[in-house]
Amino acid sequence: MTIIEDTRQKSGMHELKHRHFEEMGVELVRNMLPFGDYALPPTISIDTKADMAEIASNIGSDHQRFKRECVAAKEAGCQLIILVENDDGISSVDEVHTWINPEVIYRPRAITGERLEKAMKTMNERYGVRFEFCRPEESAGKILELLGVSV
């Protein structure tokens, strides 16, 4: 289990608590909290991507960094949802193979739509990451929907 400790907690003043947390197998992560001293990580986190090229770059070129984020979310018990905004008509992972990466023209080794779809499905299976898609103008509403917020 992971809990968040506010960065305004004075360092060195809470060692007894920290030792007990460690003995109980609780990982402590320091981060600024808007209020309070300790909190649980969120249960849902949404990472927005501006377009298909950005998620292709994250999974293709920045794979290790992206994978670390996915693993961290899973270990924290958080559902990570990647919301890909796009005007390419992609509305589900099962359609990603139809996307044509313009980078392939200049970089033949750039990730293709077929490889990107396969990687997304693998990341879903291994780390529980969900991939959602929408048009840019639908993004705000989709984020609220995914967070379970009704307006």
C-alpha atoms as a PDB file:
ATOM      1  CA  MET A   1       0.000   0.000   0.000  1.00  0.00           C
ATOM      2  CA  THR A   2       1.115   3.551  -0.697  1.00  0.00           C
ATOM      3  CA  ILE A   3       0.102   6.713   1.121  1.00  0.00           C
ATOM      4  CA  ILE A   4       0.960  10.329   0.412  1.00  0.00           C
ATOM      5  CA  GLU A   5       2.585  12.557   3.028  1.00  0.00           C
ATOM      6  CA  ASP A   6       2.297  16.309   2.541  1.00  0.00           C
ATOM      7  CA  THR A   7       5.601  18.011   1.718  1.00  0.00           C
ATOM      8  CA  ARG A   8       4.879  20.612   4.401  1.00  0.00           C
ATOM      9  CA  GLN A   9       5.305  17.956   7.105  1.00  0.00           C
ATOM     10  CA  LYS A  10       8.565  18.822   8.842  1.00  0.00           C
ATOM     11  CA  SER A  11      11.287  16.410   7.849  1.00  0.00           C
ATOM     12  CA  GLY A  12      12.694  14.366  10.752  1.00  0.00           C
ATOM     13  CA  MET A  13       9.762  15.125  13.070  1.00  0.00           C
ATOM     14  CA  HIS A  14       7.729  12.018  12.252  1.00  0.00           C
ATOM     15  CA  GLU A  15      10.295   9.212  12.265  1.00  0.00           C
ATOM     16  CA  LEU A  16       8.292   7.062  14.706  1.00  0.00           C
ATOM     17  CA  LYS A  17       5.297   7.076  12.344  1.00  0.00           C
ATOM     18  CA  HIS A  18       7.552   6.474   9.367  1.00  0.00           C
ATOM     19  CA  ARG A  19       9.156   3.414  11.011  1.00  0.00           C
ATOM     20  CA  HIS A  20       5.723   1.989  11.815  1.00  0.00           C
ATOM     21  CA  PHE A  21       4.569   2.591   8.245  1.00  0.00           C
ATOM     22  CA  GLU A  22       7.662   0.777   6.963  1.00  0.00           C
ATOM     23  CA  GLU A  23       7.106  -2.165   9.344  1.00  0.00           C
ATOM     24  CA  MET A  24       3.520  -2.437   8.079  1.00  0.00           C
ATOM     25  CA  GLY A  25       4.684  -2.500   4.452  1.00  0.00           C
ATOM     26  CA  VAL A  26       3.309   0.962   3.693  1.00  0.00           C
ATOM     27  CA  GLU A  27       5.263   2.996   1.175  1.00  0.00           C
ATOM     28  CA  LEU A  28       5.336   6.714   1.878  1.00  0.00           C
ATOM     29  CA  VAL A  29       5.445   9.171  -1.008  1.00  0.00           C
ATOM     30  CA  ARG A  30       5.929  12.878  -0.326  1.00  0.00           C
ATOM     31  CA  ASN A  31       3.823  15.241  -2.397  1.00  0.00           C
ATOM     32  CA  MET A  32       2.045  18.497  -1.778  1.00  0.00           C
ATOM     33  CA  LEU A  33      -1.519  17.963  -0.590  1.00  0.00           C
ATOM     34  CA  PRO A  34      -4.136  20.725  -0.807  1.00  0.00           C
ATOM     35  CA  PHE A  35      -5.079  19.970   2.815  1.00  0.00           C
ATOM     36  CA  GLY A  36      -4.171  17.480   5.539  1.00  0.00           C
ATOM     37  CA  ASP A  37      -0.955  15.614   6.211  1.00  0.00           C
ATOM     38  CA  TYR A  38      -1.642  12.103   4.838  1.00  0.00           C
ATOM     39  CA  ALA A  39      -3.846  10.812   2.042  1.00  0.00           C
ATOM     40  CA  LEU A  40      -4.433   7.822  -0.171  1.00  0.00           C
ATOM     41  CA  PRO A  41      -3.452   8.110  -3.819  1.00  0.00           C
ATOM     42  CA  PRO A  42      -6.339   8.701  -6.213  1.00  0.00           C
ATOM     43  CA  THR A  43      -8.268   5.648  -7.387  1.00  0.00           C
ATOM     44  CA  ILE A  44      -8.571   7.001 -10.937  1.00  0.00           C
ATOM     45  CA  SER A  45      -6.045   9.105 -12.812  1.00  0.00           C
ATOM     46  CA  ILE A  46      -6.476  10.406 -16.329  1.00  0.00           C
ATOM     47  CA  ASP A  47      -3.505  11.229 -18.532  1.00  0.00           C
ATOM     48  CA  THR A  48      -4.541  13.206 -21.610  1.00  0.00           C
ATOM     49  CA  LYS A  49      -2.719  12.971 -24.907  1.00  0.00           C
ATOM     50  CA  ALA A  50      -3.090  15.737 -27.493  1.00  0.00           C
ATOM     51  CA  ASP A  51      -3.253  13.360 -30.434  1.00  0.00           C
ATOM     52  CA  MET A  52      -2.294   9.950 -31.781  1.00  0.00           C
ATOM     53  CA  ALA A  53       1.260  11.121 -32.448  1.00  0.00           C
ATOM     54  CA  GLU A  54       1.787  11.898 -28.759  1.00  0.00           C
ATOM     55  CA  ILE A  55       0.671   8.465 -27.538  1.00  0.00           C
ATOM     56  CA  ALA A  56       2.706   6.860 -30.346  1.00  0.00           C
ATOM     57  CA  SER A  57       5.775   8.750 -29.141  1.00  0.00           C
ATOM     58  CA  ASN A  58       5.099   7.821 -25.502  1.00  0.00           C
ATOM     59  CA  ILE A  59       4.752   4.134 -26.262  1.00  0.00           C
ATOM     60  CA  GLY A  60       7.328   4.014 -29.053  1.00  0.00           C
ATOM     61  CA  SER A  61      10.175   6.378 -28.152  1.00  0.00           C
ATOM     62  CA  ASP A  62       9.576   6.939 -24.421  1.00  0.00           C
ATOM     63  CA  HIS A  63       8.459   3.391 -23.694  1.00  0.00           C
ATOM     64  CA  GLN A  64      10.433   2.822 -20.474  1.00  0.00           C
ATOM     65  CA  ARG A  65       9.264   6.089 -18.870  1.00  0.00           C
ATOM     66  CA  PHE A  66       5.663   5.405 -19.915  1.00  0.00           C
ATOM     67  CA  LYS A  67       5.884   1.843 -18.610  1.00  0.00           C
ATOM     68  CA  ARG A  68       7.201   3.087 -15.226  1.00  0.00           C
ATOM     69  CA  GLU A  69       4.153   5.353 -14.898  1.00  0.00           C
ATOM     70  CA  CYS A  70       1.825   2.458 -15.709  1.00  0.00           C
ATOM     71  CA  VAL A  71       3.535   0.182 -13.174  1.00  0.00           C
ATOM     72  CA  ALA A  72       3.465   2.913 -10.503  1.00  0.00           C
ATOM     73  CA  ALA A  73      -0.271   3.436 -11.007  1.00  0.00           C
ATOM     74  CA  LYS A  74      -0.952  -0.299 -10.793  1.00  0.00           C
ATOM     75  CA  GLU A  75       1.161  -0.663  -7.645  1.00  0.00           C
ATOM     76  CA  ALA A  76      -0.691   2.269  -6.061  1.00  0.00           C
ATOM     77  CA  GLY A  77      -4.029   0.593  -6.823  1.00  0.00           C
ATOM     78  CA  CYS A  78      -4.950   3.400  -9.205  1.00  0.00           C
ATOM     79  CA  GLN A  79      -6.821   2.944 -12.472  1.00  0.00           C
ATOM     80  CA  LEU A  80      -4.760   4.821 -15.059  1.00  0.00           C
ATOM     81  CA  ILE A  81      -6.797   5.956 -18.037  1.00  0.00           C
ATOM     82  CA  ILE A  82      -5.045   7.379 -21.074  1.00  0.00           C
ATOM     83  CA  LEU A  83      -7.426   9.709 -22.905  1.00  0.00           C
ATOM     84  CA  VAL A  84      -6.250  10.248 -26.469  1.00  0.00           C
ATOM     85  CA  GLU A  85      -7.792  13.302 -28.084  1.00  0.00           C
ATOM     86  CA  ASN A  86      -7.756  12.982 -31.853  1.00  0.00           C
ATOM     87  CA  ASP A  87      -9.328  14.134 -35.091  1.00  0.00           C
ATOM     88  CA  ASP A  88      -8.332  10.890 -36.820  1.00  0.00           C
ATOM     89  CA  GLY A  89     -11.660   9.191 -36.165  1.00  0.00           C
ATOM     90  CA  ILE A  90     -10.129   6.701 -33.704  1.00  0.00           C
ATOM     91  CA  SER A  91     -12.704   5.907 -31.026  1.00  0.00           C
ATOM     92  CA  SER A  92     -11.393   2.639 -29.551  1.00  0.00           C
ATOM     93  CA  VAL A  93      -8.206   0.609 -29.182  1.00  0.00           C
ATOM     94  CA  ASP A  94      -9.568  -1.835 -31.743  1.00  0.00           C
ATOM     95  CA  GLU A  95      -9.353   0.921 -34.384  1.00  0.00           C
ATOM     96  CA  VAL A  96      -5.768   2.047 -33.685  1.00  0.00           C
ATOM     97  CA  HIS A  97      -4.356  -0.302 -36.334  1.00  0.00           C
ATOM     98  CA  THR A  98      -6.038   1.905 -38.973  1.00  0.00           C
ATOM     99  CA  TRP A  99      -4.017   4.965 -37.913  1.00  0.00           C
ATOM    100  CA  ILE A 100      -1.190   5.899 -40.251  1.00  0.00           C
ATOM    101  CA  ASN A 101       1.744   7.441 -38.428  1.00  0.00           C
ATOM    102  CA  PRO A 102       3.076  10.319 -40.569  1.00  0.00           C
ATOM    103  CA  GLU A 103       6.507   9.807 -38.938  1.00  0.00           C
ATOM    104  CA  VAL A 104       6.930   6.547 -40.876  1.00  0.00           C
ATOM    105  CA  ILE A 105       7.665   8.598 -44.011  1.00  0.00           C
ATOM    106  CA  TYR A 106      10.778  10.109 -42.407  1.00  0.00           C
ATOM    107  CA  ARG A 107      11.591   7.404 -39.881  1.00  0.00           C
ATOM    108  CA  PRO A 108      10.850   3.941 -41.261  1.00  0.00           C
ATOM    109  CA  ARG A 109      11.317   2.458 -37.773  1.00  0.00           C
ATOM    110  CA  ALA A 110       8.623   4.693 -36.249  1.00  0.00           C
ATOM    111  CA  ILE A 111       5.762   2.823 -34.604  1.00  0.00           C
ATOM    112  CA  THR A 112       2.913   1.877 -36.925  1.00  0.00           C
ATOM    113  CA  GLY A 113      -0.766   1.817 -36.065  1.00  0.00           C
ATOM    114  CA  GLU A 114      -0.663  -1.982 -35.946  1.00  0.00           C
ATOM    115  CA  ARG A 115       2.239  -2.063 -33.467  1.00  0.00           C
ATOM    116  CA  LEU A 116       0.719   0.751 -31.403  1.00  0.00           C
ATOM    117  CA  GLU A 117      -2.583  -1.120 -31.048  1.00  0.00           C
ATOM    118  CA  LYS A 118      -0.771  -4.295 -30.010  1.00  0.00           C
ATOM    119  CA  ALA A 119       1.308  -2.371 -27.438  1.00  0.00           C
ATOM    120  CA  MET A 120      -1.810  -0.695 -25.995  1.00  0.00           C
ATOM    121  CA  LYS A 121      -3.565  -4.037 -25.608  1.00  0.00           C
ATOM    122  CA  THR A 122      -0.483  -5.547 -23.954  1.00  0.00           C
ATOM    123  CA  MET A 123      -0.241  -2.623 -21.516  1.00  0.00           C
ATOM    124  CA  ASN A 124      -3.906  -3.042 -20.688  1.00  0.00           C
ATOM    125  CA  GLU A 125      -3.410  -6.744 -19.964  1.00  0.00           C
ATOM    126  CA  ARG A 126      -0.197  -6.333 -17.937  1.00  0.00           C
ATOM    127  CA  TYR A 127      -0.813  -3.082 -16.079  1.00  0.00           C
ATOM    128  CA  GLY A 128      -4.557  -2.493 -16.277  1.00  0.00           C
ATOM    129  CA  VAL A 129      -4.124   0.745 -18.231  1.00  0.00           C
ATOM    130  CA  ARG A 130      -7.273   1.768 -20.072  1.00  0.00           C
ATOM    131  CA  PHE A 131      -7.087   3.651 -23.345  1.00  0.00           C
ATOM    132  CA  GLU A 132     -10.019   5.904 -24.225  1.00  0.00           C
ATOM    133  CA  PHE A 133     -10.446   8.146 -27.240  1.00  0.00           C
ATOM    134  CA  CYS A 134     -12.413  11.276 -28.060  1.00  0.00           C
ATOM    135  CA  ARG A 135     -12.368  14.358 -30.255  1.00  0.00           C
ATOM    136  CA  PRO A 136     -10.597  17.356 -28.660  1.00  0.00           C
ATOM    137  CA  GLU A 137     -13.864  19.265 -28.194  1.00  0.00           C
ATOM    138  CA  GLU A 138     -15.282  16.298 -26.224  1.00  0.00           C
ATOM    139  CA  SER A 139     -12.320  16.044 -23.855  1.00  0.00           C
ATOM    140  CA  ALA A 140     -13.640  17.992 -20.838  1.00  0.00           C
ATOM    141  CA  GLY A 141     -16.934  16.081 -20.828  1.00  0.00           C
ATOM    142  CA  LYS A 142     -15.159  12.747 -21.287  1.00  0.00           C
ATOM    143  CA  ILE A 143     -12.812  13.462 -18.346  1.00  0.00           C
ATOM    144  CA  LEU A 144     -15.796  14.206 -16.081  1.00  0.00           C
ATOM    145  CA  GLU A 145     -17.551  11.058 -17.320  1.00  0.00           C
ATOM    146  CA  LEU A 146     -14.476   8.894 -16.657  1.00  0.00           C
ATOM    147  CA  LEU A 147     -14.110  10.385 -13.165  1.00  0.00           C
ATOM    148  CA  GLY A 148     -17.775   9.654 -12.468  1.00  0.00           C
ATOM    149  CA  VAL A 149     -18.674  13.326 -12.084  1.00  0.00           C
ATOM    150  CA  SER A 150     -22.152  14.336 -13.188  1.00  0.00           C
ATOM    151  CA  VAL A 151     -22.878  17.933 -14.094  1.00  0.00           C
END
